[in-house]
Amino acid sequence: MDEKSTYKIYQKLRVTNWNRVADKYDNKQGFSSYYHNVWRKCCVLLFHQGSGSLRLVAVRGICLAALKPSYGVGIDFSPQMITRARERHPELHLSKQMHMSWT
């Protein structure tokens, strides 16, 4: 199996996994919800409300929405995460992006 095929398989498994997480996310309690609440509070302290914001990995738009950006952009590779973020935060601009290049 070549590198490109292996990468495609990995991407498919990763998306499948995070779509499953999105399906269960709404009912999640415990450490995960505690972690996200703390993270959301940190984001609000670190960034000025009303500033433009970009959040890679939208995770339902929780942190991005907490920033109350003037123009909020969220990117995630899980279609289910994007769907849930759009339902909760229609004011945000959310997109599914599978491949991100940093160059």
N, C-alpha and C. Protein backbone atom coordinates (compact mmCIF):
# COMPACT_ATOMS: atom_id res chain seq x y z
N MET A 1 0.85 -1.17 0.00
CA MET A 1 0.00 0.00 0.00
C MET A 1 0.90 1.24 0.00
N ASP A 2 0.62 2.18 -0.90
CA ASP A 2 1.45 3.37 -0.98
C ASP A 2 1.03 4.41 0.07
N GLU A 3 1.84 5.45 0.21
CA GLU A 3 1.61 6.47 1.24
C GLU A 3 0.29 7.21 1.04
N LYS A 4 -0.06 7.49 -0.21
CA LYS A 4 -1.30 8.21 -0.49
C LYS A 4 -2.53 7.39 -0.08
N SER A 5 -2.52 6.10 -0.36
CA SER A 5 -3.62 5.22 0.03
C SER A 5 -3.74 5.12 1.54
N THR A 6 -2.60 4.99 2.20
CA THR A 6 -2.58 4.91 3.66
C THR A 6 -3.16 6.18 4.27
N TYR A 7 -2.79 7.33 3.71
CA TYR A 7 -3.28 8.61 4.22
C TYR A 7 -4.79 8.72 4.03
N LYS A 8 -5.30 8.29 2.88
CA LYS A 8 -6.75 8.34 2.63
C LYS A 8 -7.51 7.47 3.62
N ILE A 9 -6.98 6.29 3.92
CA ILE A 9 -7.61 5.40 4.89
C ILE A 9 -7.60 6.07 6.27
N TYR A 10 -6.46 6.65 6.64
CA TYR A 10 -6.35 7.34 7.92
C TYR A 10 -7.37 8.48 8.02
N GLN A 11 -7.48 9.29 6.97
CA GLN A 11 -8.42 10.41 6.97
C GLN A 11 -9.86 9.91 7.14
N LYS A 12 -10.20 8.86 6.44
CA LYS A 12 -11.56 8.32 6.52
C LYS A 12 -11.86 7.82 7.94
N LEU A 13 -10.90 7.12 8.54
CA LEU A 13 -11.08 6.63 9.91
C LEU A 13 -11.20 7.79 10.90
N ARG A 14 -10.41 8.83 10.70
CA ARG A 14 -10.43 9.99 11.59
C ARG A 14 -11.78 10.71 11.52
N VAL A 15 -12.27 10.92 10.31
CA VAL A 15 -13.57 11.58 10.13
C VAL A 15 -14.68 10.73 10.73
N THR A 16 -14.65 9.43 10.48
CA THR A 16 -15.66 8.51 11.04
C THR A 16 -15.66 8.59 12.57
N ASN A 17 -14.47 8.57 13.16
CA ASN A 17 -14.36 8.63 14.61
C ASN A 17 -14.96 9.93 15.15
N TRP A 18 -14.59 11.07 14.58
CA TRP A 18 -15.08 12.35 15.10
C TRP A 18 -16.55 12.57 14.80
N ASN A 19 -17.07 11.99 13.74
CA ASN A 19 -18.51 12.04 13.51
C ASN A 19 -19.25 11.28 14.61
N ARG A 20 -18.69 10.15 15.02
CA ARG A 20 -19.27 9.38 16.13
C ARG A 20 -19.23 10.18 17.43
N VAL A 21 -18.10 10.84 17.66
CA VAL A 21 -17.97 11.68 18.86
C VAL A 21 -19.03 12.78 18.83
N ALA A 22 -19.24 13.40 17.66
CA ALA A 22 -20.25 14.46 17.53
C ALA A 22 -21.64 13.94 17.87
N ASP A 23 -21.94 12.73 17.44
CA ASP A 23 -23.25 12.14 17.71
C ASP A 23 -23.48 11.95 19.21
N LYS A 24 -22.41 11.67 19.96
CA LYS A 24 -22.53 11.43 21.40
C LYS A 24 -22.28 12.68 22.23
N TYR A 25 -21.72 13.70 21.61
CA TYR A 25 -21.22 14.88 22.32
C TYR A 25 -22.27 15.59 23.15
N ASP A 26 -23.48 15.70 22.66
CA ASP A 26 -24.52 16.47 23.34
C ASP A 26 -24.83 15.93 24.73
N ASN A 27 -24.67 14.64 24.94
CA ASN A 27 -25.01 14.03 26.22
C ASN A 27 -23.79 13.81 27.11
N LYS A 28 -22.64 14.30 26.68
CA LYS A 28 -21.40 14.05 27.41
C LYS A 28 -21.34 14.85 28.70
N GLN A 29 -20.91 14.22 29.74
CA GLN A 29 -20.72 14.85 31.04
C GLN A 29 -19.32 14.50 31.53
N GLY A 30 -18.96 14.99 32.68
CA GLY A 30 -17.69 14.62 33.29
C GLY A 30 -16.54 15.48 32.84
N PHE A 31 -15.37 14.87 32.76
CA PHE A 31 -14.14 15.62 32.50
C PHE A 31 -14.20 16.39 31.19
N SER A 32 -14.73 15.79 30.16
CA SER A 32 -14.75 16.46 28.86
C SER A 32 -15.53 17.78 28.93
N SER A 33 -16.70 17.77 29.55
CA SER A 33 -17.47 19.01 29.65
C SER A 33 -16.75 20.00 30.57
N TYR A 34 -16.12 19.51 31.62
CA TYR A 34 -15.35 20.38 32.52
C TYR A 34 -14.21 21.04 31.75
N TYR A 35 -13.47 20.25 30.98
CA TYR A 35 -12.35 20.76 30.18
C TYR A 35 -12.83 21.85 29.21
N HIS A 36 -13.92 21.60 28.51
CA HIS A 36 -14.40 22.58 27.54
C HIS A 36 -14.91 23.86 28.21
N ASN A 37 -15.49 23.73 29.38
CA ASN A 37 -15.91 24.93 30.11
C ASN A 37 -14.70 25.77 30.52
N VAL A 38 -13.65 25.12 31.01
CA VAL A 38 -12.43 25.84 31.39
C VAL A 38 -11.79 26.47 30.15
N TRP A 39 -11.71 25.71 29.06
CA TRP A 39 -11.13 26.23 27.82
C TRP A 39 -11.90 27.44 27.31
N ARG A 40 -13.20 27.38 27.36
CA ARG A 40 -14.04 28.49 26.90
C ARG A 40 -13.76 29.74 27.74
N LYS A 41 -13.65 29.58 29.06
CA LYS A 41 -13.37 30.71 29.95
C LYS A 41 -11.98 31.30 29.66
N CYS A 42 -11.00 30.44 29.38
CA CYS A 42 -9.65 30.91 29.04
C CYS A 42 -9.67 31.72 27.74
N CYS A 43 -10.40 31.23 26.75
CA CYS A 43 -10.49 31.95 25.48
C CYS A 43 -11.08 33.34 25.67
N VAL A 44 -12.12 33.42 26.48
CA VAL A 44 -12.76 34.71 26.73
C VAL A 44 -11.80 35.66 27.43
N LEU A 45 -10.98 35.15 28.34
CA LEU A 45 -10.01 35.99 29.03
C LEU A 45 -8.87 36.44 28.12
N LEU A 46 -8.47 35.59 27.20
CA LEU A 46 -7.31 35.88 26.35
C LEU A 46 -7.61 36.75 25.14
N PHE A 47 -8.84 36.70 24.64
CA PHE A 47 -9.17 37.42 23.41
C PHE A 47 -10.26 38.44 23.67
N HIS A 48 -10.17 39.55 23.00
CA HIS A 48 -11.18 40.61 23.16
C HIS A 48 -12.45 40.24 22.42
N GLN A 49 -13.57 40.40 23.10
CA GLN A 49 -14.84 40.15 22.43
C GLN A 49 -15.01 41.17 21.31
N GLY A 50 -15.58 40.72 20.22
CA GLY A 50 -15.80 41.60 19.07
C GLY A 50 -14.67 41.61 18.08
N SER A 51 -13.54 40.99 18.41
CA SER A 51 -12.45 40.92 17.44
C SER A 51 -12.74 39.80 16.45
N GLY A 52 -12.10 39.83 15.30
CA GLY A 52 -12.23 38.74 14.33
C GLY A 52 -11.54 37.51 14.89
N SER A 53 -12.07 36.34 14.66
CA SER A 53 -11.48 35.12 15.22
C SER A 53 -11.52 33.98 14.22
N LEU A 54 -10.51 33.13 14.29
CA LEU A 54 -10.45 31.90 13.50
C LEU A 54 -10.23 30.76 14.47
N ARG A 55 -11.02 29.74 14.36
CA ARG A 55 -10.87 28.56 15.23
C ARG A 55 -10.74 27.35 14.34
N LEU A 56 -9.59 26.72 14.36
CA LEU A 56 -9.39 25.47 13.62
C LEU A 56 -9.91 24.36 14.51
N VAL A 57 -10.71 23.51 14.01
CA VAL A 57 -11.43 22.48 14.74
C VAL A 57 -12.56 23.15 15.52
N ALA A 58 -13.69 23.20 14.91
CA ALA A 58 -14.82 23.97 15.42
C ALA A 58 -15.42 23.42 16.70
N VAL A 59 -15.45 22.10 16.86
CA VAL A 59 -16.05 21.43 18.02
C VAL A 59 -17.34 22.13 18.45
N ARG A 60 -18.30 22.12 17.57
CA ARG A 60 -19.63 22.66 17.80
C ARG A 60 -19.65 24.17 17.99
N GLY A 61 -18.56 24.86 17.74
CA GLY A 61 -18.53 26.32 17.82
C GLY A 61 -18.51 26.88 19.22
N ILE A 62 -18.29 26.05 20.22
CA ILE A 62 -18.39 26.46 21.62
C ILE A 62 -17.45 27.62 21.94
N CYS A 63 -16.15 27.42 21.72
CA CYS A 63 -15.18 28.45 22.10
C CYS A 63 -15.29 29.67 21.20
N LEU A 64 -15.48 29.45 19.92
CA LEU A 64 -15.59 30.56 18.98
C LEU A 64 -16.78 31.45 19.33
N ALA A 65 -17.92 30.86 19.63
CA ALA A 65 -19.10 31.64 20.00
C ALA A 65 -18.88 32.39 21.31
N ALA A 66 -18.15 31.79 22.24
CA ALA A 66 -17.89 32.43 23.53
C ALA A 66 -17.09 33.72 23.36
N LEU A 67 -16.30 33.81 22.28
CA LEU A 67 -15.51 35.01 22.01
C LEU A 67 -16.36 36.16 21.48
N LYS A 68 -17.56 35.85 21.02
CA LYS A 68 -18.44 36.85 20.42
C LYS A 68 -17.69 37.68 19.37
N PRO A 69 -17.11 37.00 18.37
CA PRO A 69 -16.29 37.72 17.40
C PRO A 69 -17.14 38.58 16.46
N SER A 70 -16.50 39.61 15.90
CA SER A 70 -17.19 40.42 14.90
C SER A 70 -17.41 39.58 13.64
N TYR A 71 -16.48 38.68 13.36
CA TYR A 71 -16.59 37.76 12.22
C TYR A 71 -15.87 36.48 12.63
N GLY A 72 -16.61 35.46 13.00
CA GLY A 72 -16.02 34.22 13.48
C GLY A 72 -15.99 33.15 12.41
N VAL A 73 -14.81 32.55 12.20
CA VAL A 73 -14.64 31.48 11.22
C VAL A 73 -14.16 30.23 11.94
N GLY A 74 -14.88 29.14 11.75
CA GLY A 74 -14.50 27.86 12.34
C GLY A 74 -14.31 26.82 11.26
N ILE A 75 -13.28 25.99 11.41
CA ILE A 75 -12.97 24.94 10.44
C ILE A 75 -12.85 23.62 11.19
N ASP A 76 -13.46 22.58 10.65
CA ASP A 76 -13.36 21.25 11.24
C ASP A 76 -13.41 20.24 10.11
N PHE A 77 -12.84 19.06 10.31
CA PHE A 77 -12.89 18.04 9.26
C PHE A 77 -14.07 17.10 9.45
N SER A 78 -14.81 17.25 10.55
CA SER A 78 -15.97 16.39 10.80
C SER A 78 -17.25 17.09 10.36
N PRO A 79 -17.93 16.57 9.34
CA PRO A 79 -19.20 17.16 8.91
C PRO A 79 -20.22 17.23 10.05
N GLN A 80 -20.24 16.24 10.93
CA GLN A 80 -21.19 16.24 12.05
C GLN A 80 -20.90 17.37 13.04
N MET A 81 -19.62 17.64 13.30
CA MET A 81 -19.27 18.75 14.20
C MET A 81 -19.71 20.08 13.59
N ILE A 82 -19.48 20.25 12.28
CA ILE A 82 -19.89 21.48 11.60
C ILE A 82 -21.41 21.63 11.64
N THR A 83 -22.13 20.55 11.38
CA THR A 83 -23.60 20.60 11.41
C THR A 83 -24.09 21.06 12.77
N ARG A 84 -23.55 20.48 13.84
CA ARG A 84 -23.97 20.86 15.19
C ARG A 84 -23.59 22.30 15.52
N ALA A 85 -22.41 22.71 15.10
CA ALA A 85 -21.99 24.10 15.34
C ALA A 85 -22.90 25.08 14.61
N ARG A 86 -23.28 24.75 13.37
CA ARG A 86 -24.18 25.63 12.61
C ARG A 86 -25.56 25.72 13.26
N GLU A 87 -26.03 24.60 13.80
CA GLU A 87 -27.34 24.61 14.48
C GLU A 87 -27.32 25.50 15.71
N ARG A 88 -26.23 25.44 16.46
CA ARG A 88 -26.13 26.21 17.69
C ARG A 88 -25.73 27.67 17.47
N HIS A 89 -24.95 27.92 16.44
CA HIS A 89 -24.37 29.25 16.24
C HIS A 89 -24.46 29.67 14.77
N PRO A 90 -25.65 30.00 14.30
CA PRO A 90 -25.80 30.38 12.89
C PRO A 90 -25.06 31.67 12.52
N GLU A 91 -24.66 32.45 13.52
CA GLU A 91 -23.93 33.69 13.24
C GLU A 91 -22.47 33.45 12.85
N LEU A 92 -21.97 32.22 13.08
CA LEU A 92 -20.59 31.90 12.75
C LEU A 92 -20.48 31.39 11.31
N HIS A 93 -19.31 31.52 10.75
CA HIS A 93 -19.03 31.04 9.40
C HIS A 93 -18.20 29.76 9.55
N LEU A 94 -18.84 28.63 9.27
CA LEU A 94 -18.22 27.33 9.55
C LEU A 94 -18.07 26.53 8.27
N SER A 95 -16.96 25.81 8.20
CA SER A 95 -16.65 25.08 6.98
C SER A 95 -15.98 23.76 7.29
N LYS A 96 -16.30 22.75 6.49
CA LYS A 96 -15.60 21.47 6.57
C LYS A 96 -14.35 21.59 5.72
N GLN A 97 -13.23 21.28 6.29
CA GLN A 97 -11.97 21.34 5.56
C GLN A 97 -11.17 20.11 5.92
N MET A 98 -10.94 19.25 4.94
CA MET A 98 -10.23 18.00 5.20
C MET A 98 -8.73 18.20 5.26
N HIS A 99 -8.20 18.92 4.32
CA HIS A 99 -6.74 19.07 4.23
C HIS A 99 -6.36 20.51 4.53
N MET A 100 -5.46 20.67 5.49
CA MET A 100 -4.97 22.00 5.82
C MET A 100 -3.49 22.05 5.55
N SER A 101 -3.08 23.02 4.79
CA SER A 101 -1.67 23.20 4.48
C SER A 101 -1.16 24.42 5.22
N TRP A 102 -0.06 24.28 5.88
CA TRP A 102 0.48 25.38 6.68
C TRP A 102 1.57 26.13 5.92
N THR A 103 1.78 25.80 4.65
CA THR A 103 2.81 26.52 3.89
C THR A 103 2.20 27.44 2.88
